[in-house]
Amino acid sequence: MLSTRPTESQTATHDRVYRALRSRIMHGEIAPGKALTLRGIGKEFGVSMTPARETVRRLAAEGALSLSTSGRVSTPELSRDRIEELAALRALLEVELASRALPRAHMALIDRLQSINMTVAEMVTKRDAVGYIRTNLEFHRTLYLRAQAPAMLAMAETVWLQLGPTMRALYGRLRRTEPPHYHRLIIAALKAGDEPGLRLAVRSDVTQGLRLLVT
């Protein structure tokens, strides 16, 4: 009897396509409400329909893609209530991650965050929306890795994934001319060992932009 279990090669292919499309969605490369097809995904990544279908299934389970009753696949267009909910989740999760990271915030980490923030500034100058979102999330992820709370960080990344297309729309409304003010406050709080200041700066940073979309 032939095995129906996927081979190691098939699993690697599925994972490659999933990670690539997941990254594109998280970093705002795909606009809200954009329709996707299995054929189009397969063509873009050079794979058959099976890994494309598996990728869509996994991303839909994470809330990164929407599936209609007719089978249409698209990136979600978030309602006002949904944006508020995800912003509240970011505030809860990321404030806690930052607080847990603080005792392990050595100077090498602070130097790394300053370097990333310089790249964020470069993306703003270039008006590179995708580059801005990617480096902004890198700033946060670099800090939160020091929390040593992988389950909590995975939850935060799922929220980022669901917000990715919306963050791209937000970037167009912000018309940034300088990097986020709150990043500097986060770095200053880390240097000072100021937990209340850090918690306030992180909460403000992860919610202040999203408020523009619900006002």
Foldseek 3Di string as FASTA:
>chain_A
DDDPDDDPVVVVLLVVLLVVVLLCLLLQVFAAFAWDDLVRSCVVSVHDSVSSVVSQVVCVVLLQWDADPVGIIGGHDDDLVRLVVLLVLQLVLLLVLLLLLLVVCDVVLLVVLVVLQVQLFVCLQVVPSSSNSVSVVVSSVSSSVSSVPVVSVVVNSSSSSSCRNVSSVLSVVVSDNGGDPLSVQCSVCSVVSPSVSNSVSSSCVSRVSSVVVND
